[in-house]
Protein backbone atom coordinates (compact mmCIF):
# COMPACT_ATOMS: atom_id res chain seq x y z
CA MET A 1 0.08 0.08 -0.05
CA ARG A 2 0.93 3.13 -1.30
CA LYS A 3 1.47 6.01 1.88
CA THR A 4 1.58 9.64 0.82
CA ALA A 5 2.36 13.19 1.95
CA LEU A 6 1.14 16.27 0.41
CA LEU A 7 3.61 18.77 0.19
CA ILE A 8 1.75 22.37 0.14
CA ILE A 9 5.22 24.54 -0.61
CA ASP A 10 5.38 28.13 0.29
CA VAL A 11 2.18 29.36 -0.14
CA GLN A 12 2.51 32.34 2.59
CA SER A 13 0.83 35.09 2.81
CA GLY A 14 4.25 37.17 1.07
CA LEU A 15 3.62 35.55 -1.75
CA VAL A 16 -0.06 34.41 -2.40
CA SER A 17 -0.92 37.71 -3.43
CA GLY A 18 -1.14 38.68 -7.84
CA ALA A 19 -0.07 35.00 -8.31
CA HIS A 20 -2.12 33.59 -11.61
CA ASN A 21 -5.61 32.75 -10.80
CA GLU A 22 -4.68 32.76 -6.69
CA ILE A 23 -8.11 31.66 -5.88
CA SER A 24 -8.60 28.74 -7.85
CA VAL A 25 -5.42 27.54 -6.27
CA LEU A 26 -6.09 28.24 -3.27
CA SER A 27 -9.81 26.37 -3.63
CA ASN A 28 -7.84 23.77 -5.27
CA ILE A 29 -4.97 22.67 -2.89
CA ASN A 30 -7.43 23.10 -0.40
CA SER A 31 -9.41 19.80 -1.66
CA VAL A 32 -6.36 18.24 -1.97
CA ILE A 33 -5.79 18.90 1.15
CA GLU A 34 -8.93 17.71 2.16
CA LYS A 35 -9.40 14.01 0.08
CA VAL A 36 -5.40 13.49 1.07
CA ARG A 37 -7.16 13.72 4.98
CA ALA A 38 -10.01 11.82 4.09
CA ASN A 39 -7.34 8.69 3.26
CA ASP A 40 -4.52 9.21 6.48
CA GLY A 41 -2.22 10.86 4.07
CA LEU A 42 0.22 13.59 5.88
CA ILE A 43 -0.33 16.87 5.22
CA VAL A 44 2.82 19.09 5.10
CA PHE A 45 3.88 23.01 4.67
CA ILE A 46 6.93 23.66 3.49
CA GLN A 47 7.65 27.44 4.03
CA HIS A 48 10.84 29.44 2.88
CA CYS A 49 12.86 31.33 5.12
CA HIS A 50 14.66 33.97 3.48
CA THR A 51 17.00 35.41 4.10
CA THR A 52 17.31 39.50 2.42
CA TYR A 53 13.28 39.95 1.46
CA GLU A 54 11.89 41.10 4.19
CA PRO A 55 7.95 39.62 3.44
CA LEU A 56 9.66 36.42 4.05
CA MET A 57 12.31 36.38 7.10
CA LYS A 58 10.98 33.42 9.61
CA GLY A 59 8.20 35.10 11.56
CA ASN A 60 7.42 38.38 9.57
CA PRO A 61 3.38 38.03 8.57
CA GLY A 62 4.41 37.51 4.75
CA TRP A 63 5.91 34.64 5.82
CA GLN A 64 2.83 33.33 7.41
CA ILE A 65 0.98 30.30 5.92
CA HIS A 66 -1.53 31.45 3.52
CA PRO A 67 -4.74 32.12 6.33
CA SER A 68 -7.40 30.11 3.61
CA LEU A 69 -5.40 27.25 3.90
CA HIS A 70 -6.90 24.77 6.43
CA ALA A 71 -3.78 24.13 7.89
CA GLU A 72 -4.07 22.27 11.08
CA LYS A 73 -1.63 22.45 14.41
CA HIS A 74 -0.95 18.20 13.82
CA ASP A 75 0.57 19.10 10.58
CA LEU A 76 3.77 18.56 9.35
CA PHE A 77 5.59 22.32 8.85
CA ILE A 78 9.14 22.26 7.81
CA ASP A 79 11.38 25.85 7.20
CA LYS A 80 13.32 25.80 4.37
CA THR A 81 15.82 27.96 2.67
CA ALA A 82 16.54 26.40 -0.55
CA SER A 83 14.06 26.24 -3.69
CA ASP A 84 14.45 21.99 -3.62
CA SER A 85 12.42 21.58 -0.06
CA PHE A 86 14.86 18.68 0.32
CA TYR A 87 17.66 20.43 0.69
CA GLU A 88 19.48 20.56 4.53
CA THR A 89 15.82 20.35 5.44
CA ARG A 90 14.08 17.88 7.54
CA LEU A 91 12.00 16.42 4.95
CA ASP A 92 12.84 13.12 3.49
CA LYS A 93 14.24 12.27 7.12
CA GLU A 94 10.00 13.12 8.04
CA LEU A 95 9.06 11.14 5.20
CA ALA A 96 10.83 7.86 5.78
CA ALA A 97 9.70 8.05 9.21
CA GLN A 98 6.02 7.40 8.44
CA SER A 99 6.76 5.62 5.70
CA ILE A 100 6.27 7.65 3.03
CA ASN A 101 6.52 6.88 -0.83
CA GLN A 102 4.02 8.87 -2.48
CA VAL A 103 4.37 12.73 -3.29
CA ILE A 104 1.63 14.80 -4.30
CA ILE A 105 2.88 19.05 -5.29
CA THR A 106 1.53 21.81 -4.82
CA GLY A 107 2.53 25.37 -4.34
CA LEU A 108 4.49 27.97 -5.45
CA GLN A 109 6.27 29.46 -7.53
CA THR A 110 5.56 26.82 -10.67
CA GLU A 111 9.56 27.51 -12.40
CA PHE A 112 11.41 27.55 -9.00
CA CYS A 113 10.80 25.67 -5.89
CA VAL A 114 7.93 23.74 -7.32
CA ASP A 115 10.28 22.37 -10.43
CA THR A 116 12.72 21.73 -7.70
CA THR A 117 11.58 19.40 -5.40
CA SER A 118 8.79 17.58 -7.88
CA ARG A 119 12.91 16.79 -10.21
CA ALA A 120 14.73 15.96 -6.02
CA ALA A 121 11.73 14.21 -5.26
CA LEU A 122 11.84 11.63 -8.09
CA SER A 123 15.75 11.38 -7.53
CA LYS A 124 14.93 10.21 -4.42
CA GLY A 125 12.96 7.60 -5.10
CA TYR A 126 9.07 8.59 -4.80
CA ALA A 127 6.29 8.01 -6.68
CA VAL A 128 5.62 11.55 -7.23
CA THR A 129 2.33 13.52 -8.62
CA LEU A 130 2.29 16.83 -9.27
CA VAL A 131 -1.40 18.96 -9.44
CA SER A 132 -1.75 20.89 -12.72
CA ASP A 133 -3.70 23.51 -10.88
CA ALA A 134 -2.91 23.50 -7.86
CA HIS A 135 0.25 25.61 -8.13
CA THR A 136 1.36 28.82 -9.30
CA THR A 137 2.74 32.15 -9.61
CA GLY A 138 3.72 35.20 -10.95
CA ASP A 139 4.50 36.89 -14.23
CA SER A 140 8.43 36.84 -15.27
CA HIS A 141 10.24 37.18 -18.40
CA LEU A 142 6.82 34.80 -19.97
CA GLY A 143 3.63 35.08 -18.64
CA ALA A 144 2.29 32.98 -15.24
CA ALA A 145 -0.25 30.50 -17.52
CA GLU A 146 2.57 29.74 -19.73
CA ILE A 147 4.66 29.18 -17.54
CA ILE A 148 2.58 26.69 -15.65
CA ASP A 149 1.50 25.13 -18.70
CA HIS A 150 4.99 24.21 -19.95
CA HIS A 151 6.10 22.93 -16.67
CA ASN A 152 3.16 21.10 -15.96
CA ARG A 153 4.30 19.17 -19.47
CA VAL A 154 8.01 19.11 -19.31
CA LEU A 155 7.82 17.47 -15.56
CA GLU A 156 5.09 15.12 -17.22
CA ASN A 157 7.66 13.92 -19.39
CA LEU A 158 10.98 14.19 -17.96
CA ALA A 159 13.15 11.45 -18.32
CA HIS A 160 14.05 9.49 -15.09
CA PRO A 161 15.40 5.71 -14.78
CA ALA A 162 13.22 5.73 -11.50
CA GLY A 163 10.29 6.69 -12.56
CA ASN A 164 7.55 10.04 -14.67
CA ILE A 165 6.35 12.53 -12.59
CA LYS A 166 2.23 11.84 -13.05
CA VAL A 167 0.54 15.45 -13.74
CA ILE A 168 -3.24 15.49 -13.27
CA THR A 169 -5.78 18.33 -11.73
CA SER A 170 -6.85 18.74 -7.90
CA ASN A 171 -10.74 16.69 -9.42
CA GLU A 172 -8.26 13.88 -10.66
CA ILE A 173 -6.66 13.03 -7.15
């Protein structure tokens, strides 16, 4: 039997405001939270702790998990300082301690932390599912919608001997 953890990456007050499809992405993440909880999965909130960008400095209002998310006290909360949620964090150890072998990935920002964590999880041997309508970003050198679509397509077709990243919608979870 596959044990599942939902990774909710950087859905922090200082990042969400103005993100592409902000309201629907938050709603879709909450939908996935409820589905994973109903199946006794682990809910993991990952928070970026920036050292120079004030809104994301640990403890500041922007660093807090977005208030619309259905976080509970017994959920797991992990701090990170890199785009890779596994890099120098306790995430892998916590997942191993609970015999987790599948991760579902949601959050911000698509082209940075969502992409990097998806690839790292696959390389660590986890079965990886990316929820295509539950991650987002803002406009940069490309429009946010283009960035999201690009990453959904690229990650789904990533060549890796350990397997592939499954990309599905929140309704398909």
